[in-house]
PDB file of all heavy atoms in Angstrom:
ATOM      1  N   CYS A   1       0.846  -1.217   0.066  1.00  0.00           N
ATOM      2  CA  CYS A   1       0.047   0.026   0.005  1.00  0.00           C
ATOM      3  C   CYS A   1       0.881   1.243  -0.027  1.00  0.00           C
ATOM      4  O   CYS A   1       0.575   2.224  -0.678  1.00  0.00           O
ATOM      5  CB  CYS A   1      -0.908  -0.004   1.246  1.00  0.00           C
ATOM      6  SG  CYS A   1      -2.233  -1.333   1.168  1.00  0.00           S
ATOM      7  N   LEU A   2       1.939   1.228   0.699  1.00  0.00           N
ATOM      8  CA  LEU A   2       2.848   2.378   0.757  1.00  0.00           C
ATOM      9  C   LEU A   2       3.439   2.648  -0.675  1.00  0.00           C
ATOM     10  O   LEU A   2       3.557   3.805  -1.106  1.00  0.00           O
ATOM     11  CB  LEU A   2       4.064   2.074   1.663  1.00  0.00           C
ATOM     12  CG  LEU A   2       3.847   2.364   3.258  1.00  0.00           C
ATOM     13  CD1 LEU A   2       5.151   2.005   3.976  1.00  0.00           C
ATOM     14  CD2 LEU A   2       3.486   3.787   3.479  1.00  0.00           C
ATOM     15  N   ALA A   3       3.707   1.555  -1.459  1.00  0.00           N
ATOM     16  CA  ALA A   3       4.359   1.769  -2.739  1.00  0.00           C
ATOM     17  C   ALA A   3       3.280   2.439  -3.596  1.00  0.00           C
ATOM     18  O   ALA A   3       3.657   3.305  -4.442  1.00  0.00           O
ATOM     19  CB  ALA A   3       4.672   0.383  -3.317  1.00  0.00           C
ATOM     20  N   THR A   4       2.099   2.020  -3.520  1.00  0.00           N
ATOM     21  CA  THR A   4       1.051   2.747  -4.368  1.00  0.00           C
ATOM     22  C   THR A   4       0.913   4.213  -3.972  1.00  0.00           C
ATOM     23  O   THR A   4       0.862   5.023  -4.930  1.00  0.00           O
ATOM     24  CB  THR A   4      -0.392   2.056  -4.151  1.00  0.00           C
ATOM     25  OG1 THR A   4      -0.250   0.567  -4.458  1.00  0.00           O
ATOM     26  CG2 THR A   4      -1.386   2.586  -4.996  1.00  0.00           C
ATOM     27  N   ARG A   5       0.867   4.523  -2.713  1.00  0.00           N
ATOM     28  CA  ARG A   5       0.589   5.901  -2.289  1.00  0.00           C
ATOM     29  C   ARG A   5       1.786   6.786  -2.602  1.00  0.00           C
ATOM     30  O   ARG A   5       1.670   7.919  -3.074  1.00  0.00           O
ATOM     31  CB  ARG A   5       0.249   5.920  -0.870  1.00  0.00           C
ATOM     32  CG  ARG A   5      -1.170   5.332  -0.521  1.00  0.00           C
ATOM     33  CD  ARG A   5      -1.279   4.930   0.868  1.00  0.00           C
ATOM     34  NE  ARG A   5      -2.609   4.181   0.923  1.00  0.00           N
ATOM     35  CZ  ARG A   5      -2.762   3.310   2.024  1.00  0.00           C
ATOM     36  NH1 ARG A   5      -1.958   3.169   3.036  1.00  0.00           N
ATOM     37  NH2 ARG A   5      -3.934   2.555   2.036  1.00  0.00           N
ATOM     38  N   LEU A   6       2.971   6.194  -2.381  1.00  0.00           N
ATOM     39  CA  LEU A   6       4.222   6.982  -2.633  1.00  0.00           C
ATOM     40  C   LEU A   6       4.465   7.231  -4.046  1.00  0.00           C
ATOM     41  O   LEU A   6       5.105   8.187  -4.521  1.00  0.00           O
ATOM     42  CB  LEU A   6       5.540   6.367  -1.964  1.00  0.00           C
ATOM     43  CG  LEU A   6       5.411   6.441  -0.432  1.00  0.00           C
ATOM     44  CD1 LEU A   6       6.644   5.658   0.003  1.00  0.00           C
ATOM     45  CD2 LEU A   6       5.434   7.748   0.081  1.00  0.00           C
ATOM     46  N   LYS A   7       4.052   6.272  -4.896  1.00  0.00           N
ATOM     47  CA  LYS A   7       4.209   6.496  -6.368  1.00  0.00           C
ATOM     48  C   LYS A   7       3.331   7.633  -6.861  1.00  0.00           C
ATOM     49  O   LYS A   7       3.800   8.427  -7.659  1.00  0.00           O
ATOM     50  CB  LYS A   7       3.793   5.166  -7.106  1.00  0.00           C
ATOM     51  CG  LYS A   7       3.894   5.317  -8.658  1.00  0.00           C
ATOM     52  CD  LYS A   7       3.472   4.058  -9.356  1.00  0.00           C
ATOM     53  CE  LYS A   7       3.762   4.267 -10.836  1.00  0.00           C
ATOM     54  NZ  LYS A   7       3.429   3.057 -11.697  1.00  0.00           N
ATOM     55  N   HIS A   8       2.142   7.875  -6.364  1.00  0.00           N
ATOM     56  CA  HIS A   8       1.432   8.919  -6.700  1.00  0.00           C
ATOM     57  C   HIS A   8       1.974  10.264  -6.242  1.00  0.00           C
ATOM     58  O   HIS A   8       2.107  11.168  -7.086  1.00  0.00           O
ATOM     59  CB  HIS A   8       0.058   8.890  -6.106  1.00  0.00           C
ATOM     60  CG  HIS A   8      -0.919  10.100  -6.288  1.00  0.00           C
ATOM     61  ND1 HIS A   8      -0.986  11.005  -5.277  1.00  0.00           N
ATOM     62  CD2 HIS A   8      -1.527  10.462  -7.377  1.00  0.00           C
ATOM     63  CE1 HIS A   8      -1.810  11.959  -5.751  1.00  0.00           C
ATOM     64  NE2 HIS A   8      -2.151  11.674  -7.091  1.00  0.00           N
ATOM     65  N   PHE A   9       2.533  10.311  -5.145  1.00  0.00           N
ATOM     66  CA  PHE A   9       3.273  11.432  -4.566  1.00  0.00           C
ATOM     67  C   PHE A   9       4.492  11.838  -5.334  1.00  0.00           C
ATOM     68  O   PHE A   9       4.690  12.889  -5.878  1.00  0.00           O
ATOM     69  CB  PHE A   9       3.684  11.183  -3.062  1.00  0.00           C
ATOM     70  CG  PHE A   9       4.555  12.344  -2.484  1.00  0.00           C
ATOM     71  CD1 PHE A   9       4.062  13.608  -2.336  1.00  0.00           C
ATOM     72  CD2 PHE A   9       5.854  12.064  -2.222  1.00  0.00           C
ATOM     73  CE1 PHE A   9       4.858  14.527  -1.711  1.00  0.00           C
ATOM     74  CE2 PHE A   9       6.730  12.962  -1.736  1.00  0.00           C
ATOM     75  CZ  PHE A   9       6.262  14.269  -1.477  1.00  0.00           C
ATOM     76  N   ALA A  10       5.322  10.716  -5.643  1.00  0.00           N
ATOM     77  CA  ALA A  10       6.540  10.948  -6.450  1.00  0.00           C
ATOM     78  C   ALA A  10       6.218  11.334  -7.926  1.00  0.00           C
ATOM     79  O   ALA A  10       7.004  12.147  -8.551  1.00  0.00           O
ATOM     80  CB  ALA A  10       7.396   9.720  -6.418  1.00  0.00           C
ATOM     81  N   THR A  11       5.166  10.694  -8.522  1.00  0.00           N
ATOM     82  CA  THR A  11       4.849  11.136  -9.828  1.00  0.00           C
ATOM     83  C   THR A  11       4.462  12.638 -10.003  1.00  0.00           C
ATOM     84  O   THR A  11       4.822  13.214 -10.891  1.00  0.00           O
ATOM     85  CB  THR A  11       3.683  10.214 -10.351  1.00  0.00           C
ATOM     86  OG1 THR A  11       4.014   8.872 -10.302  1.00  0.00           O
ATOM     87  CG2 THR A  11       3.353  10.559 -11.692  1.00  0.00           C
ATOM     88  N   PHE A  12       3.846  13.002  -9.050  1.00  0.00           N
ATOM     89  CA  PHE A  12       3.366  14.429  -9.021  1.00  0.00           C
ATOM     90  C   PHE A  12       4.499  15.481  -8.811  1.00  0.00           C
ATOM     91  O   PHE A  12       4.755  16.350  -9.625  1.00  0.00           O
ATOM     92  CB  PHE A  12       2.343  14.769  -7.895  1.00  0.00           C
ATOM     93  CG  PHE A  12       1.765  16.107  -7.946  1.00  0.00           C
ATOM     94  CD1 PHE A  12       0.633  16.441  -8.622  1.00  0.00           C
ATOM     95  CD2 PHE A  12       2.392  17.177  -7.252  1.00  0.00           C
ATOM     96  CE1 PHE A  12       0.120  17.707  -8.583  1.00  0.00           C
ATOM     97  CE2 PHE A  12       1.883  18.469  -7.301  1.00  0.00           C
ATOM     98  CZ  PHE A  12       0.752  18.803  -7.992  1.00  0.00           C
ATOM     99  N   ILE A  13       5.359  15.177  -7.914  1.00  0.00           N
ATOM    100  CA  ILE A  13       6.406  16.092  -7.575  1.00  0.00           C
ATOM    101  C   ILE A  13       7.547  16.046  -8.609  1.00  0.00           C
ATOM    102  O   ILE A  13       8.151  17.022  -9.021  1.00  0.00           O
ATOM    103  CB  ILE A  13       7.045  15.934  -6.177  1.00  0.00           C
ATOM    104  CG1 ILE A  13       7.629  14.592  -6.040  1.00  0.00           C
ATOM    105  CG2 ILE A  13       5.942  16.187  -5.129  1.00  0.00           C
ATOM    106  CD1 ILE A  13       8.354  14.393  -4.646  1.00  0.00           C
ATOM    107  N   THR A  14       7.821  14.880  -9.247  1.00  0.00           N
ATOM    108  CA  THR A  14       8.835  14.803 -10.245  1.00  0.00           C
ATOM    109  C   THR A  14       8.271  15.375 -11.610  1.00  0.00           C
ATOM    110  O   THR A  14       9.128  15.646 -12.445  1.00  0.00           O
ATOM    111  CB  THR A  14       9.357  13.280 -10.536  1.00  0.00           C
ATOM    112  OG1 THR A  14       8.173  12.489 -10.748  1.00  0.00           O
ATOM    113  CG2 THR A  14      10.042  12.870  -9.326  1.00  0.00           C
ATOM    114  N   ALA A  15       7.022  15.410 -11.762  1.00  0.00           N
ATOM    115  CA  ALA A  15       6.497  16.141 -12.988  1.00  0.00           C
ATOM    116  C   ALA A  15       6.875  17.592 -12.954  1.00  0.00           C
ATOM    117  O   ALA A  15       7.044  18.191 -14.004  1.00  0.00           O
ATOM    118  CB  ALA A  15       5.001  15.935 -13.017  1.00  0.00           C
ATOM    119  N   ILE A  16       7.054  18.166 -11.729  1.00  0.00           N
ATOM    120  CA  ILE A  16       7.432  19.570 -11.637  1.00  0.00           C
ATOM    121  C   ILE A  16       8.932  19.719 -11.868  1.00  0.00           C
ATOM    122  O   ILE A  16       9.346  20.619 -12.546  1.00  0.00           O
ATOM    123  CB  ILE A  16       7.156  20.044 -10.186  1.00  0.00           C
ATOM    124  CG1 ILE A  16       5.643  20.056  -9.938  1.00  0.00           C
ATOM    125  CG2 ILE A  16       7.684  21.583  -9.974  1.00  0.00           C
ATOM    126  CD1 ILE A  16       5.269  20.253  -8.444  1.00  0.00           C
ATOM    127  N   ASP A  17       9.777  18.722 -11.315  1.00  0.00           N
ATOM    128  CA  ASP A  17      11.265  18.739 -11.550  1.00  0.00           C
ATOM    129  C   ASP A  17      11.602  17.327 -11.523  1.00  0.00           C
ATOM    130  O   ASP A  17      11.811  16.587 -10.539  1.00  0.00           O
ATOM    131  CB  ASP A  17      11.985  19.475 -10.324  1.00  0.00           C
ATOM    132  CG  ASP A  17      13.377  19.448 -10.596  1.00  0.00           C
ATOM    133  OD1 ASP A  17      13.890  18.990 -11.608  1.00  0.00           O
ATOM    134  OD2 ASP A  17      14.037  20.142  -9.683  1.00  0.00           O
ATOM    135  N   PRO A  18      11.965  16.683 -12.737  1.00  0.00           N
ATOM    136  CA  PRO A  18      12.326  15.282 -12.882  1.00  0.00           C
ATOM    137  C   PRO A  18      13.548  14.897 -12.056  1.00  0.00           C
ATOM    138  O   PRO A  18      13.618  13.722 -11.641  1.00  0.00           O
ATOM    139  CB  PRO A  18      12.631  15.124 -14.332  1.00  0.00           C
ATOM    140  CG  PRO A  18      11.817  16.196 -15.057  1.00  0.00           C
ATOM    141  CD  PRO A  18      11.875  17.372 -14.024  1.00  0.00           C
ATOM    142  N   GLU A  19      14.400  15.833 -11.756  1.00  0.00           N
ATOM    143  CA  GLU A  19      15.673  15.347 -11.088  1.00  0.00           C
ATOM    144  C   GLU A  19      15.584  15.719  -9.516  1.00  0.00           C
ATOM    145  O   GLU A  19      16.538  15.762  -8.828  1.00  0.00           O
ATOM    146  CB  GLU A  19      16.858  16.210 -11.632  1.00  0.00           C
ATOM    147  CG  GLU A  19      17.149  15.776 -13.155  1.00  0.00           C
ATOM    148  CD  GLU A  19      18.315  16.516 -13.707  1.00  0.00           C
ATOM    149  OE1 GLU A  19      18.954  17.382 -12.985  1.00  0.00           O
ATOM    150  OE2 GLU A  19      18.698  16.171 -14.871  1.00  0.00           O
ATOM    151  N   LEU A  20      14.377  15.923  -9.107  1.00  0.00           N
ATOM    152  CA  LEU A  20      14.171  16.270  -7.676  1.00  0.00           C
ATOM    153  C   LEU A  20      14.486  15.145  -6.742  1.00  0.00           C
ATOM    154  O   LEU A  20      14.267  13.921  -7.023  1.00  0.00           O
ATOM    155  CB  LEU A  20      12.715  16.717  -7.494  1.00  0.00           C
ATOM    156  CG  LEU A  20      12.259  17.456  -6.217  1.00  0.00           C
ATOM    157  CD1 LEU A  20      12.958  18.803  -6.205  1.00  0.00           C
ATOM    158  CD2 LEU A  20      10.813  17.547  -6.154  1.00  0.00           C
ATOM    159  N   ILE A  21      15.121  15.558  -5.567  1.00  0.00           N
ATOM    160  CA  ILE A  21      15.275  14.559  -4.436  1.00  0.00           C
ATOM    161  C   ILE A  21      14.710  15.162  -3.287  1.00  0.00           C
ATOM    162  O   ILE A  21      14.406  16.388  -3.209  1.00  0.00           O
ATOM    163  CB  ILE A  21      16.755  14.297  -4.197  1.00  0.00           C
ATOM    164  CG1 ILE A  21      17.565  15.531  -3.933  1.00  0.00           C
ATOM    165  CG2 ILE A  21      17.414  13.613  -5.386  1.00  0.00           C
ATOM    166  CD1 ILE A  21      18.952  15.356  -3.509  1.00  0.00           C
ATOM    167  N   PRO A  22      14.339  14.489  -2.178  1.00  0.00           N
ATOM    168  CA  PRO A  22      13.613  14.977  -1.039  1.00  0.00           C
ATOM    169  C   PRO A  22      14.224  16.178  -0.328  1.00  0.00           C
ATOM    170  O   PRO A  22      13.590  16.987   0.158  1.00  0.00           O
ATOM    171  CB  PRO A  22      13.558  13.693  -0.064  1.00  0.00           C
ATOM    172  CG  PRO A  22      13.639  12.522  -1.017  1.00  0.00           C
ATOM    173  CD  PRO A  22      14.461  12.935  -2.101  1.00  0.00           C
ATOM    174  N   SER A  23      15.579  16.235  -0.394  1.00  0.00           N
ATOM    175  CA  SER A  23      16.218  17.321   0.193  1.00  0.00           C
ATOM    176  C   SER A  23      15.900  18.655  -0.468  1.00  0.00           C
ATOM    177  O   SER A  23      16.009  19.743   0.125  1.00  0.00           O
ATOM    178  CB  SER A  23      17.680  17.109   0.430  1.00  0.00           C
ATOM    179  OG  SER A  23      18.224  16.935  -0.951  1.00  0.00           O
ATOM    180  N   GLU A  24      15.431  18.590  -1.672  1.00  0.00           N
ATOM    181  CA  GLU A  24      15.158  19.848  -2.467  1.00  0.00           C
ATOM    182  C   GLU A  24      13.666  20.272  -2.429  1.00  0.00           C
ATOM    183  O   GLU A  24      13.297  21.208  -3.075  1.00  0.00           O
ATOM    184  CB  GLU A  24      15.631  19.530  -3.869  1.00  0.00           C
ATOM    185  CG  GLU A  24      17.132  19.306  -4.050  1.00  0.00           C
ATOM    186  CD  GLU A  24      17.491  18.802  -5.366  1.00  0.00           C
ATOM    187  OE1 GLU A  24      16.535  18.572  -6.180  1.00  0.00           O
ATOM    188  OE2 GLU A  24      18.734  18.816  -5.733  1.00  0.00           O
ATOM    189  N   LEU A  25      12.817  19.383  -1.800  1.00  0.00           N
ATOM    190  CA  LEU A  25      11.464  19.738  -1.617  1.00  0.00           C
ATOM    191  C   LEU A  25      11.247  21.010  -0.906  1.00  0.00           C
ATOM    192  O   LEU A  25      11.947  21.362   0.081  1.00  0.00           O
ATOM    193  CB  LEU A  25      10.694  18.618  -0.979  1.00  0.00           C
ATOM    194  CG  LEU A  25      10.561  17.235  -1.796  1.00  0.00           C
ATOM    195  CD1 LEU A  25       9.999  16.194  -0.882  1.00  0.00           C
ATOM    196  CD2 LEU A  25       9.621  17.489  -2.941  1.00  0.00           C
ATOM    197  N   THR A  26      10.200  21.825  -1.356  1.00  0.00           N
ATOM    198  CA  THR A  26       9.859  22.992  -0.568  1.00  0.00           C
ATOM    199  C   THR A  26       8.312  22.897  -0.338  1.00  0.00           C
ATOM    200  O   THR A  26       7.640  22.341  -1.072  1.00  0.00           O
ATOM    201  CB  THR A  26      10.127  24.166  -1.288  1.00  0.00           C
ATOM    202  OG1 THR A  26       9.387  24.341  -2.542  1.00  0.00           O
ATOM    203  CG2 THR A  26      11.629  24.421  -1.683  1.00  0.00           C
ATOM    204  N   ARG A  27       7.855  23.543   0.749  1.00  0.00           N
ATOM    205  CA  ARG A  27       6.502  23.511   1.004  1.00  0.00           C
ATOM    206  C   ARG A  27       5.713  24.257   0.037  1.00  0.00           C
ATOM    207  O   ARG A  27       4.619  23.746  -0.439  1.00  0.00           O
ATOM    208  CB  ARG A  27       6.343  24.304   2.401  1.00  0.00           C
ATOM    209  CG  ARG A  27       4.876  24.526   2.748  1.00  0.00           C
ATOM    210  CD  ARG A  27       4.260  23.269   3.411  1.00  0.00           C
ATOM    211  NE  ARG A  27       2.811  23.481   3.784  1.00  0.00           N
ATOM    212  CZ  ARG A  27       2.083  22.612   4.397  1.00  0.00           C
ATOM    213  NH1 ARG A  27       2.552  21.307   4.663  1.00  0.00           N
ATOM    214  NH2 ARG A  27       0.823  22.798   4.567  1.00  0.00           N
ATOM    215  N   CYS A  28       6.145  25.317  -0.451  1.00  0.00           N
ATOM    216  CA  CYS A  28       5.376  26.195  -1.436  1.00  0.00           C
ATOM    217  C   CYS A  28       5.362  25.561  -2.829  1.00  0.00           C
ATOM    218  O   CYS A  28       4.331  25.555  -3.464  1.00  0.00           O
ATOM    219  CB  CYS A  28       5.937  27.565  -1.451  1.00  0.00           C
ATOM    220  SG  CYS A  28       5.096  28.680  -2.565  1.00  0.00           S
ATOM    221  N   ASP A  29       6.500  25.057  -3.334  1.00  0.00           N
ATOM    222  CA  ASP A  29       6.577  24.680  -4.651  1.00  0.00           C
ATOM    223  C   ASP A  29       5.999  23.207  -4.893  1.00  0.00           C
ATOM    224  O   ASP A  29       5.723  22.850  -6.119  1.00  0.00           O
ATOM    225  CB  ASP A  29       8.038  24.756  -5.215  1.00  0.00           C
ATOM    226  CG  ASP A  29       8.479  26.203  -5.191  1.00  0.00           C
ATOM    227  OD1 ASP A  29       7.557  27.122  -5.375  1.00  0.00           O
ATOM    228  OD2 ASP A  29       9.720  26.498  -5.072  1.00  0.00           O
ATOM    229  N   HIS A  30       6.190  22.371  -3.904  1.00  0.00           N
ATOM    230  CA  HIS A  30       5.834  20.982  -4.180  1.00  0.00           C
ATOM    231  C   HIS A  30       4.727  20.400  -3.221  1.00  0.00           C
ATOM    232  O   HIS A  30       3.776  19.820  -3.807  1.00  0.00           O
ATOM    233  CB  HIS A  30       7.147  20.164  -3.948  1.00  0.00           C
ATOM    234  CG  HIS A  30       8.286  20.650  -4.746  1.00  0.00           C
ATOM    235  ND1 HIS A  30       9.365  21.301  -4.150  1.00  0.00           N
ATOM    236  CD2 HIS A  30       8.510  20.537  -6.091  1.00  0.00           C
ATOM    237  CE1 HIS A  30      10.255  21.632  -5.174  1.00  0.00           C
ATOM    238  NE2 HIS A  30       9.783  21.078  -6.269  1.00  0.00           N
ATOM    239  N   ILE A  31       4.931  20.612  -1.925  1.00  0.00           N
ATOM    240  CA  ILE A  31       3.907  19.988  -1.041  1.00  0.00           C
ATOM    241  C   ILE A  31       2.575  20.560  -1.116  1.00  0.00           C
ATOM    242  O   ILE A  31       1.538  19.760  -1.304  1.00  0.00           O
ATOM    243  CB  ILE A  31       4.437  20.145   0.435  1.00  0.00           C
ATOM    244  CG1 ILE A  31       5.802  19.491   0.584  1.00  0.00           C
ATOM    245  CG2 ILE A  31       3.436  19.376   1.344  1.00  0.00           C
ATOM    246  CD1 ILE A  31       5.953  18.025   0.204  1.00  0.00           C
ATOM    247  N   GLU A  32       2.359  21.872  -1.052  1.00  0.00           N
ATOM    248  CA  GLU A  32       1.048  22.434  -1.096  1.00  0.00           C
ATOM    249  C   GLU A  32       0.392  22.181  -2.473  1.00  0.00           C
ATOM    250  O   GLU A  32      -0.794  21.867  -2.488  1.00  0.00           O
ATOM    251  CB  GLU A  32       1.176  23.963  -0.856  1.00  0.00           C
ATOM    252  CG  GLU A  32       1.515  24.174   0.733  1.00  0.00           C
ATOM    253  CD  GLU A  32       1.503  25.681   1.021  1.00  0.00           C
ATOM    254  OE1 GLU A  32       1.243  26.522   0.068  1.00  0.00           O
ATOM    255  OE2 GLU A  32       1.705  26.020   2.289  1.00  0.00           O
ATOM    256  N   PRO A  33       0.930  22.230  -3.587  1.00  0.00           N
ATOM    257  CA  PRO A  33       0.334  21.888  -4.898  1.00  0.00           C
ATOM    258  C   PRO A  33      -0.190  20.560  -4.858  1.00  0.00           C
ATOM    259  O   PRO A  33      -1.162  20.228  -5.473  1.00  0.00           O
ATOM    260  CB  PRO A  33       1.423  22.192  -5.957  1.00  0.00           C
ATOM    261  CG  PRO A  33       2.369  23.259  -5.297  1.00  0.00           C
ATOM    262  CD  PRO A  33       2.435  22.874  -3.836  1.00  0.00           C
ATOM    263  N   TRP A  34       0.673  19.623  -4.370  1.00  0.00           N
ATOM    264  CA  TRP A  34       0.219  18.263  -4.282  1.00  0.00           C
ATOM    265  C   TRP A  34      -1.001  18.053  -3.335  1.00  0.00           C
ATOM    266  O   TRP A  34      -1.871  17.324  -3.652  1.00  0.00           O
ATOM    267  CB  TRP A  34       1.334  17.300  -3.772  1.00  0.00           C
ATOM    268  CG  TRP A  34       0.978  15.865  -3.592  1.00  0.00           C
ATOM    269  CD1 TRP A  34       0.665  15.020  -4.588  1.00  0.00           C
ATOM    270  CD2 TRP A  34       0.847  15.047  -2.413  1.00  0.00           C
ATOM    271  NE1 TRP A  34       0.320  13.783  -4.122  1.00  0.00           N
ATOM    272  CE2 TRP A  34       0.449  13.823  -2.724  1.00  0.00           C
ATOM    273  CE3 TRP A  34       1.016  15.440  -1.021  1.00  0.00           C
ATOM    274  CZ2 TRP A  34       0.284  12.810  -1.820  1.00  0.00           C
ATOM    275  CZ3 TRP A  34       0.953  14.460  -0.086  1.00  0.00           C
ATOM    276  CH2 TRP A  34       0.410  13.157  -0.480  1.00  0.00           C
ATOM    277  N   LEU A  35      -0.994  18.761  -2.213  1.00  0.00           N
ATOM    278  CA  LEU A  35      -2.156  18.663  -1.306  1.00  0.00           C
ATOM    279  C   LEU A  35      -3.409  19.265  -1.943  1.00  0.00           C
ATOM    280  O   LEU A  35      -4.531  18.643  -1.811  1.00  0.00           O
ATOM    281  CB  LEU A  35      -1.880  19.441   0.016  1.00  0.00           C
ATOM    282  CG  LEU A  35      -0.763  18.880   0.918  1.00  0.00           C
ATOM    283  CD1 LEU A  35      -0.482  19.904   1.984  1.00  0.00           C
ATOM    284  CD2 LEU A  35      -1.215  17.540   1.430  1.00  0.00           C
ATOM    285  N   VAL A  36      -3.260  20.192  -2.778  1.00  0.00           N
ATOM    286  CA  VAL A  36      -4.431  20.862  -3.385  1.00  0.00           C
ATOM    287  C   VAL A  36      -4.948  19.927  -4.521  1.00  0.00           C
ATOM    288  O   VAL A  36      -6.206  19.963  -4.725  1.00  0.00           O
ATOM    289  CB  VAL A  36      -4.014  22.255  -4.064  1.00  0.00           C
ATOM    290  CG1 VAL A  36      -5.016  22.766  -4.905  1.00  0.00           C
ATOM    291  CG2 VAL A  36      -3.725  23.249  -2.964  1.00  0.00           C
ATOM    292  N   SER A  37      -4.050  19.122  -5.077  1.00  0.00           N
ATOM    293  CA  SER A  37      -4.482  18.250  -6.079  1.00  0.00           C
ATOM    294  C   SER A  37      -5.200  16.956  -5.726  1.00  0.00           C
ATOM    295  O   SER A  37      -6.003  16.315  -6.381  1.00  0.00           O
ATOM    296  CB  SER A  37      -3.334  17.797  -6.912  1.00  0.00           C
ATOM    297  OG  SER A  37      -2.514  16.854  -6.249  1.00  0.00           O
ATOM    298  N   LEU A  38      -5.065  16.660  -4.358  1.00  0.00           N
ATOM    299  CA  LEU A  38      -5.645  15.353  -3.847  1.00  0.00           C
ATOM    300  C   LEU A  38      -7.190  15.288  -4.039  1.00  0.00           C
ATOM    301  O   LEU A  38      -7.589  14.262  -4.429  1.00  0.00           O
ATOM    302  CB  LEU A  38      -5.198  15.211  -2.372  1.00  0.00           C
ATOM    303  CG  LEU A  38      -3.725  14.683  -2.217  1.00  0.00           C
ATOM    304  CD1 LEU A  38      -3.446  14.600  -0.750  1.00  0.00           C
ATOM    305  CD2 LEU A  38      -3.529  13.316  -2.852  1.00  0.00           C
ATOM    306  N   PRO A  39      -7.903  16.367  -3.659  1.00  0.00           N
ATOM    307  CA  PRO A  39      -9.399  16.118  -3.782  1.00  0.00           C
ATOM    308  C   PRO A  39      -9.886  15.893  -5.134  1.00  0.00           C
ATOM    309  O   PRO A  39     -11.024  15.532  -5.456  1.00  0.00           O
ATOM    310  CB  PRO A  39      -9.912  17.434  -3.219  1.00  0.00           C
ATOM    311  CG  PRO A  39      -8.795  18.022  -2.298  1.00  0.00           C
ATOM    312  CD  PRO A  39      -7.516  17.481  -2.953  1.00  0.00           C
ATOM    313  N   HIS A  40      -9.029  16.211  -6.241  1.00  0.00           N
ATOM    314  CA  HIS A  40      -9.437  16.053  -7.627  1.00  0.00           C
ATOM    315  C   HIS A  40      -8.720  14.847  -8.228  1.00  0.00           C
ATOM    316  O   HIS A  40      -8.814  14.574  -9.495  1.00  0.00           O
ATOM    317  CB  HIS A  40      -8.988  17.326  -8.377  1.00  0.00           C
ATOM    318  CG  HIS A  40      -9.348  18.619  -7.706  1.00  0.00           C
ATOM    319  ND1 HIS A  40     -10.766  18.973  -7.734  1.00  0.00           N
ATOM    320  CD2 HIS A  40      -8.663  19.526  -6.988  1.00  0.00           C
ATOM    321  CE1 HIS A  40     -10.847  20.137  -7.039  1.00  0.00           C
ATOM    322  NE2 HIS A  40      -9.617  20.516  -6.623  1.00  0.00           N
TER     323      HIS A  40
END
């Protein structure tokens, strides 16, 4: 189940930046856009 959920998360954030790694994540550019996309 973790693999399924993390794939969705990783697919979204790497679509913004394909070479992204977790240390480069920001709240404004990655996390909040993903949270906003979840209800849709």
